[in-house]
Amino acid sequence: MSTKQSTAFKGNARTPIPTPHKAGDAQTYLFTHVFNEAVLTTDVLELFPVFPNGKIVQFDYATENIGAINLNIGFLTGTPGDVVSARTCGSEFFAATAANTPSEAALLTLAAVAESADVKSIGLVPAANITAAANKKIHIRLTIKG
């Protein structure tokens, strides 16, 4: 699988990735990824990193013009930012969820996702190719508690 990176992951987003200022703080991050580059079924799109010991307490998304394809969204294997090594994407947050339906991860699902002492990244894998177009977008809201 080829790893591609979102604007937010590359650090080019208008809002920086949230990090806690003190233990227990919750940070909400809103971002939009525009599919200016195609994402194939053989690709993973690295969306954003999650800081060490960050607990994801809310995660939802909505898409524009992607169509009725399914998405898997979960933690990526390997080192965050590595675009050379082969990496795979889990489905801890969304497993085969329709892209054209706004979705929110169930609280029970989020409660079951373990925190990690390491930096991880969250990725996306489509069940069908997403062609490049300026009107194809995914909007994500993520709240992480430190």
C-alpha atoms as a PDB file:
ATOM      1  CA  MET A   1       0.000   0.000   0.000  1.00  0.00           C
ATOM      2  CA  SER A   2       1.166   3.476  -0.801  1.00  0.00           C
ATOM      3  CA  THR A   3       0.914   6.012   2.041  1.00  0.00           C
ATOM      4  CA  LYS A   4      -0.354   9.482   1.183  1.00  0.00           C
ATOM      5  CA  GLN A   5      -0.618  12.304   3.693  1.00  0.00           C
ATOM      6  CA  SER A   6      -3.359  14.819   4.375  1.00  0.00           C
ATOM      7  CA  THR A   7      -2.620  18.515   4.553  1.00  0.00           C
ATOM      8  CA  ALA A   8      -3.167  18.375   8.313  1.00  0.00           C
ATOM      9  CA  PHE A   9      -0.621  15.599   8.717  1.00  0.00           C
ATOM     10  CA  LYS A  10       1.987  17.449   6.696  1.00  0.00           C
ATOM     11  CA  GLY A  11       1.539  20.421   9.029  1.00  0.00           C
ATOM     12  CA  ASN A  12       0.125  22.670   6.353  1.00  0.00           C
ATOM     13  CA  ALA A  13      -3.331  23.004   7.891  1.00  0.00           C
ATOM     14  CA  ARG A  14      -4.477  26.350   9.249  1.00  0.00           C
ATOM     15  CA  THR A  15      -4.956  24.853  12.719  1.00  0.00           C
ATOM     16  CA  PRO A  16      -2.135  22.926  14.397  1.00  0.00           C
ATOM     17  CA  ILE A  17      -2.645  19.377  15.672  1.00  0.00           C
ATOM     18  CA  PRO A  18      -4.043  19.592  19.231  1.00  0.00           C
ATOM     19  CA  THR A  19      -1.845  18.730  22.163  1.00  0.00           C
ATOM     20  CA  PRO A  20      -2.876  18.921  25.823  1.00  0.00           C
ATOM     21  CA  HIS A  21      -1.693  21.820  27.930  1.00  0.00           C
ATOM     22  CA  LYS A  22      -2.328  19.922  31.139  1.00  0.00           C
ATOM     23  CA  ALA A  23      -3.500  16.427  32.030  1.00  0.00           C
ATOM     24  CA  GLY A  24      -7.207  15.922  31.467  1.00  0.00           C
ATOM     25  CA  ASP A  25      -7.602  18.769  28.966  1.00  0.00           C
ATOM     26  CA  ALA A  26      -9.713  17.968  25.929  1.00  0.00           C
ATOM     27  CA  GLN A  27      -8.766  19.484  22.585  1.00  0.00           C
ATOM     28  CA  THR A  28     -11.116  19.505  19.590  1.00  0.00           C
ATOM     29  CA  TYR A  29      -9.666  19.569  16.119  1.00  0.00           C
ATOM     30  CA  LEU A  30     -11.696  20.357  12.998  1.00  0.00           C
ATOM     31  CA  PHE A  31     -10.201  19.902   9.577  1.00  0.00           C
ATOM     32  CA  THR A  32     -11.084  19.318   5.965  1.00  0.00           C
ATOM     33  CA  HIS A  33      -9.092  17.217   3.554  1.00  0.00           C
ATOM     34  CA  VAL A  34      -9.572  18.001  -0.133  1.00  0.00           C
ATOM     35  CA  PHE A  35      -8.877  15.052  -2.423  1.00  0.00           C
ATOM     36  CA  ASN A  36      -6.593  16.952  -4.825  1.00  0.00           C
ATOM     37  CA  GLU A  37      -4.755  13.655  -5.258  1.00  0.00           C
ATOM     38  CA  ALA A  38      -6.489  10.342  -5.957  1.00  0.00           C
ATOM     39  CA  VAL A  39      -6.643   7.809  -3.129  1.00  0.00           C
ATOM     40  CA  LEU A  40      -6.853   4.267  -4.475  1.00  0.00           C
ATOM     41  CA  THR A  41      -8.016   1.119  -2.702  1.00  0.00           C
ATOM     42  CA  THR A  42      -4.343   0.153  -2.526  1.00  0.00           C
ATOM     43  CA  ASP A  43      -3.441   3.423  -0.741  1.00  0.00           C
ATOM     44  CA  VAL A  44      -3.749   4.609   2.823  1.00  0.00           C
ATOM     45  CA  LEU A  45      -4.375   8.268   3.551  1.00  0.00           C
ATOM     46  CA  GLU A  46      -2.600   9.321   6.745  1.00  0.00           C
ATOM     47  CA  LEU A  47      -5.022  11.857   8.225  1.00  0.00           C
ATOM     48  CA  PHE A  48      -3.340  13.130  11.402  1.00  0.00           C
ATOM     49  CA  PRO A  49      -1.156  12.084  14.335  1.00  0.00           C
ATOM     50  CA  VAL A  50      -2.437  11.405  17.838  1.00  0.00           C
ATOM     51  CA  PHE A  51      -0.127  12.531  20.638  1.00  0.00           C
ATOM     52  CA  PRO A  52       1.144  10.018  23.239  1.00  0.00           C
ATOM     53  CA  ASN A  53      -1.478   8.913  25.793  1.00  0.00           C
ATOM     54  CA  GLY A  54      -4.179  10.826  23.936  1.00  0.00           C
ATOM     55  CA  LYS A  55      -7.671   9.372  24.490  1.00  0.00           C
ATOM     56  CA  ILE A  56     -10.055   9.949  21.606  1.00  0.00           C
ATOM     57  CA  VAL A  57     -13.434  10.863  23.094  1.00  0.00           C
ATOM     58  CA  GLN A  58     -15.253  12.073  19.964  1.00  0.00           C
ATOM     59  CA  PHE A  59     -14.747  11.349  16.278  1.00  0.00           C
ATOM     60  CA  ASP A  60     -17.121  12.150  13.461  1.00  0.00           C
ATOM     61  CA  TYR A  61     -16.967  12.973   9.780  1.00  0.00           C
ATOM     62  CA  ALA A  62     -18.988  14.133   6.794  1.00  0.00           C
ATOM     63  CA  THR A  63     -17.988  14.004   3.138  1.00  0.00           C
ATOM     64  CA  GLU A  64     -18.747  15.918  -0.025  1.00  0.00           C
ATOM     65  CA  ASN A  65     -18.992  14.369  -3.499  1.00  0.00           C
ATOM     66  CA  ILE A  66     -17.178  11.149  -2.647  1.00  0.00           C
ATOM     67  CA  GLY A  67     -20.122   8.931  -3.494  1.00  0.00           C
ATOM     68  CA  ALA A  68     -21.553   5.764  -2.009  1.00  0.00           C
ATOM     69  CA  ILE A  69     -18.303   4.000  -1.179  1.00  0.00           C
ATOM     70  CA  ASN A  70     -17.290   2.531   2.158  1.00  0.00           C
ATOM     71  CA  LEU A  71     -14.430   3.800   4.296  1.00  0.00           C
ATOM     72  CA  ASN A  72     -12.283   2.166   6.954  1.00  0.00           C
ATOM     73  CA  ILE A  73     -10.803   4.627   9.421  1.00  0.00           C
ATOM     74  CA  GLY A  74      -8.447   3.526  12.169  1.00  0.00           C
ATOM     75  CA  PHE A  75      -4.896   3.507  13.435  1.00  0.00           C
ATOM     76  CA  LEU A  76      -2.049   3.013  10.960  1.00  0.00           C
ATOM     77  CA  THR A  77       0.734   0.554  11.589  1.00  0.00           C
ATOM     78  CA  GLY A  78       4.332   1.734  11.549  1.00  0.00           C
ATOM     79  CA  THR A  79       5.942   5.059  12.274  1.00  0.00           C
ATOM     80  CA  PRO A  80       3.810   8.189  11.768  1.00  0.00           C
ATOM     81  CA  GLY A  81       5.012  10.105   8.729  1.00  0.00           C
ATOM     82  CA  ASP A  82       6.709   7.110   7.096  1.00  0.00           C
ATOM     83  CA  VAL A  83       5.720   7.106   3.425  1.00  0.00           C
ATOM     84  CA  VAL A  84       8.345   4.557   2.350  1.00  0.00           C
ATOM     85  CA  SER A  85       7.484   1.440   4.376  1.00  0.00           C
ATOM     86  CA  ALA A  86       4.350  -0.604   3.706  1.00  0.00           C
ATOM     87  CA  ARG A  87       1.673   0.324   6.248  1.00  0.00           C
ATOM     88  CA  THR A  88      -1.830  -0.901   6.897  1.00  0.00           C
ATOM     89  CA  CYS A  89      -4.881   0.794   8.349  1.00  0.00           C
ATOM     90  CA  GLY A  90      -7.206  -0.620  10.972  1.00  0.00           C
ATOM     91  CA  SER A  91     -10.912   0.019  11.372  1.00  0.00           C
ATOM     92  CA  GLU A  92     -11.081   0.903  15.072  1.00  0.00           C
ATOM     93  CA  PHE A  93     -13.287   3.942  14.449  1.00  0.00           C
ATOM     94  CA  PHE A  94     -15.213   3.174  11.269  1.00  0.00           C
ATOM     95  CA  ALA A  95     -15.417  -0.209   9.540  1.00  0.00           C
ATOM     96  CA  ALA A  96     -16.949  -0.247   6.050  1.00  0.00           C
ATOM     97  CA  THR A  97     -18.962   2.894   6.815  1.00  0.00           C
ATOM     98  CA  ALA A  98     -20.727   4.618   3.922  1.00  0.00           C
ATOM     99  CA  ALA A  99     -18.824   7.768   2.973  1.00  0.00           C
ATOM    100  CA  ASN A 100     -21.943   9.590   1.794  1.00  0.00           C
ATOM    101  CA  THR A 101     -23.614   9.319   5.226  1.00  0.00           C
ATOM    102  CA  PRO A 102     -22.362  11.575   8.045  1.00  0.00           C
ATOM    103  CA  SER A 103     -20.986   9.270  10.738  1.00  0.00           C
ATOM    104  CA  GLU A 104     -20.047   9.467  14.379  1.00  0.00           C
ATOM    105  CA  ALA A 105     -18.061   6.785  16.168  1.00  0.00           C
ATOM    106  CA  ALA A 106     -20.129   5.114  18.884  1.00  0.00           C
ATOM    107  CA  LEU A 107     -19.118   5.948  22.451  1.00  0.00           C
ATOM    108  CA  LEU A 108     -18.692   2.239  23.221  1.00  0.00           C
ATOM    109  CA  THR A 109     -16.299   1.941  20.285  1.00  0.00           C
ATOM    110  CA  LEU A 110     -14.268   4.934  21.476  1.00  0.00           C
ATOM    111  CA  ALA A 111     -14.160   3.609  25.039  1.00  0.00           C
ATOM    112  CA  ALA A 112     -12.675   0.354  23.747  1.00  0.00           C
ATOM    113  CA  VAL A 113      -9.819   2.064  21.871  1.00  0.00           C
ATOM    114  CA  ALA A 114      -6.748   1.867  24.063  1.00  0.00           C
ATOM    115  CA  GLU A 115      -4.432   4.785  24.667  1.00  0.00           C
ATOM    116  CA  SER A 116      -0.841   4.411  23.567  1.00  0.00           C
ATOM    117  CA  ALA A 117       2.371   5.742  25.083  1.00  0.00           C
ATOM    118  CA  ASP A 118       3.611   6.160  21.497  1.00  0.00           C
ATOM    119  CA  VAL A 119       2.625   8.663  18.846  1.00  0.00           C
ATOM    120  CA  LYS A 120       0.172   7.023  16.446  1.00  0.00           C
ATOM    121  CA  SER A 121      -1.555   8.238  13.359  1.00  0.00           C
ATOM    122  CA  ILE A 122      -5.066   7.782  12.080  1.00  0.00           C
ATOM    123  CA  GLY A 123      -5.619   6.743   8.495  1.00  0.00           C
ATOM    124  CA  LEU A 124      -8.315   6.095   5.930  1.00  0.00           C
ATOM    125  CA  VAL A 125      -8.679   3.378   3.296  1.00  0.00           C
ATOM    126  CA  PRO A 126     -11.489   3.570   0.718  1.00  0.00           C
ATOM    127  CA  ALA A 127     -13.309   0.470  -0.581  1.00  0.00           C
ATOM    128  CA  ALA A 128     -13.349   2.080  -4.045  1.00  0.00           C
ATOM    129  CA  ASN A 129     -10.963   4.550  -5.643  1.00  0.00           C
ATOM    130  CA  ILE A 130     -11.482   8.229  -4.818  1.00  0.00           C
ATOM    131  CA  THR A 131     -10.526  10.226  -7.887  1.00  0.00           C
ATOM    132  CA  ALA A 132      -8.913  13.613  -7.532  1.00  0.00           C
ATOM    133  CA  ALA A 133     -11.219  16.631  -7.642  1.00  0.00           C
ATOM    134  CA  ALA A 134     -11.339  19.938  -5.791  1.00  0.00           C
ATOM    135  CA  ASN A 135     -14.976  19.319  -4.797  1.00  0.00           C
ATOM    136  CA  LYS A 136     -14.273  15.945  -3.087  1.00  0.00           C
ATOM    137  CA  LYS A 137     -13.736  16.471   0.629  1.00  0.00           C
ATOM    138  CA  ILE A 138     -13.888  14.861   4.029  1.00  0.00           C
ATOM    139  CA  HIS A 139     -14.596  17.021   7.085  1.00  0.00           C
ATOM    140  CA  ILE A 140     -13.487  15.580  10.424  1.00  0.00           C
ATOM    141  CA  ARG A 141     -14.119  16.580  14.031  1.00  0.00           C
ATOM    142  CA  LEU A 142     -11.901  14.877  16.581  1.00  0.00           C
ATOM    143  CA  THR A 143     -11.732  15.470  20.315  1.00  0.00           C
ATOM    144  CA  ILE A 144      -8.737  14.087  22.199  1.00  0.00           C
ATOM    145  CA  LYS A 145      -8.299  14.141  25.956  1.00  0.00           C
ATOM    146  CA  GLY A 146      -4.747  14.342  27.283  1.00  0.00           C
END
